[in-house]
Amino acid sequence: GLGSAVAEVVVITHPVPMRILGVPGVFAPTGSASWLLDYFGLTAQGIFDAALELRGRKG
């Protein structure tokens, strides 16, 4: 998907640790947009926590 395409370009020019965040290739449950973002960890806090985890620190 888009995340892997961007990751490929970035890693060639600036190798850095990275984690692709997004909706996995599954049928998503039904809910509001904000609930779905929270469910998949795509809120500001979820993204922040993923960044801390990538750096080896827990929030």
C-alpha atoms as a PDB file:
ATOM      1  CA  GLY A   1       0.000   0.000   0.000  1.00  0.00           C
ATOM      2  CA  LEU A   2       0.892   3.640   0.304  1.00  0.00           C
ATOM      3  CA  GLY A   3       2.783   3.136   3.570  1.00  0.00           C
ATOM      4  CA  SER A   4       5.154   0.599   2.065  1.00  0.00           C
ATOM      5  CA  ALA A   5       5.755   2.780  -1.012  1.00  0.00           C
ATOM      6  CA  VAL A   6       6.682   5.765   1.168  1.00  0.00           C
ATOM      7  CA  ALA A   7       8.802   3.538   3.423  1.00  0.00           C
ATOM      8  CA  GLU A   8      10.735   2.225   0.434  1.00  0.00           C
ATOM      9  CA  VAL A   9      11.615   5.736  -0.752  1.00  0.00           C
ATOM     10  CA  VAL A  10      12.532   6.936   2.747  1.00  0.00           C
ATOM     11  CA  VAL A  11      14.712   3.954   3.623  1.00  0.00           C
ATOM     12  CA  ILE A  12      16.723   4.360   0.421  1.00  0.00           C
ATOM     13  CA  THR A  13      17.510   8.025   1.057  1.00  0.00           C
ATOM     14  CA  HIS A  14      17.423   8.242   4.880  1.00  0.00           C
ATOM     15  CA  PRO A  15      17.611   4.868   6.663  1.00  0.00           C
ATOM     16  CA  VAL A  16      15.686   5.244   9.922  1.00  0.00           C
ATOM     17  CA  PRO A  17      13.638   2.933  12.133  1.00  0.00           C
ATOM     18  CA  MET A  18      10.006   3.044  11.067  1.00  0.00           C
ATOM     19  CA  ARG A  19       6.678   1.413  11.648  1.00  0.00           C
ATOM     20  CA  ILE A  20       3.790   1.584   9.213  1.00  0.00           C
ATOM     21  CA  LEU A  21       0.506   2.484  10.873  1.00  0.00           C
ATOM     22  CA  GLY A  22      -2.806   1.962   9.161  1.00  0.00           C
ATOM     23  CA  VAL A  23      -5.889  -0.155   8.847  1.00  0.00           C
ATOM     24  CA  PRO A  24      -4.934  -3.797   8.312  1.00  0.00           C
ATOM     25  CA  GLY A  25      -6.393  -5.678   5.361  1.00  0.00           C
ATOM     26  CA  VAL A  26      -9.416  -6.908   7.293  1.00  0.00           C
ATOM     27  CA  PHE A  27     -13.094  -6.090   7.403  1.00  0.00           C
ATOM     28  CA  ALA A  28     -13.395  -3.258   9.900  1.00  0.00           C
ATOM     29  CA  PRO A  29     -16.127  -3.294  12.513  1.00  0.00           C
ATOM     30  CA  THR A  30     -18.941  -0.786  12.183  1.00  0.00           C
ATOM     31  CA  GLY A  31     -18.618   2.437  14.142  1.00  0.00           C
ATOM     32  CA  SER A  32     -18.107   6.164  13.964  1.00  0.00           C
ATOM     33  CA  ALA A  33     -14.963   7.540  12.368  1.00  0.00           C
ATOM     34  CA  SER A  34     -13.525   8.516  15.756  1.00  0.00           C
ATOM     35  CA  TRP A  35     -14.265   5.061  17.199  1.00  0.00           C
ATOM     36  CA  LEU A  36     -12.585   3.341  14.237  1.00  0.00           C
ATOM     37  CA  LEU A  37      -9.501   5.550  14.530  1.00  0.00           C
ATOM     38  CA  ASP A  38      -9.280   4.640  18.211  1.00  0.00           C
ATOM     39  CA  TYR A  39      -9.883   0.928  17.484  1.00  0.00           C
ATOM     40  CA  PHE A  40      -6.971   0.810  15.030  1.00  0.00           C
ATOM     41  CA  GLY A  41      -4.684   3.000  17.159  1.00  0.00           C
ATOM     42  CA  LEU A  42      -4.721   5.910  14.725  1.00  0.00           C
ATOM     43  CA  THR A  43      -5.469   8.663  17.222  1.00  0.00           C
ATOM     44  CA  ALA A  44      -2.840  11.209  18.227  1.00  0.00           C
ATOM     45  CA  GLN A  45      -2.170   9.176  21.386  1.00  0.00           C
ATOM     46  CA  GLY A  46      -1.966   5.908  19.450  1.00  0.00           C
ATOM     47  CA  ILE A  47       0.547   7.371  17.002  1.00  0.00           C
ATOM     48  CA  PHE A  48       2.560   8.872  19.877  1.00  0.00           C
ATOM     49  CA  ASP A  49       2.603   5.512  21.689  1.00  0.00           C
ATOM     50  CA  ALA A  50       3.748   3.728  18.508  1.00  0.00           C
ATOM     51  CA  ALA A  51       6.587   6.247  18.116  1.00  0.00           C
ATOM     52  CA  LEU A  52       7.697   5.697  21.719  1.00  0.00           C
ATOM     53  CA  GLU A  53       7.547   1.933  21.229  1.00  0.00           C
ATOM     54  CA  LEU A  54       9.647   2.236  18.075  1.00  0.00           C
ATOM     55  CA  ARG A  55      12.261   4.183  20.020  1.00  0.00           C
ATOM     56  CA  GLY A  56      12.275   1.475  22.683  1.00  0.00           C
ATOM     57  CA  ARG A  57      10.427   3.429  25.357  1.00  0.00           C
ATOM     58  CA  LYS A  58       7.018   2.789  26.824  1.00  0.00           C
ATOM     59  CA  GLY A  59       4.644   5.733  27.334  1.00  0.00           C
END
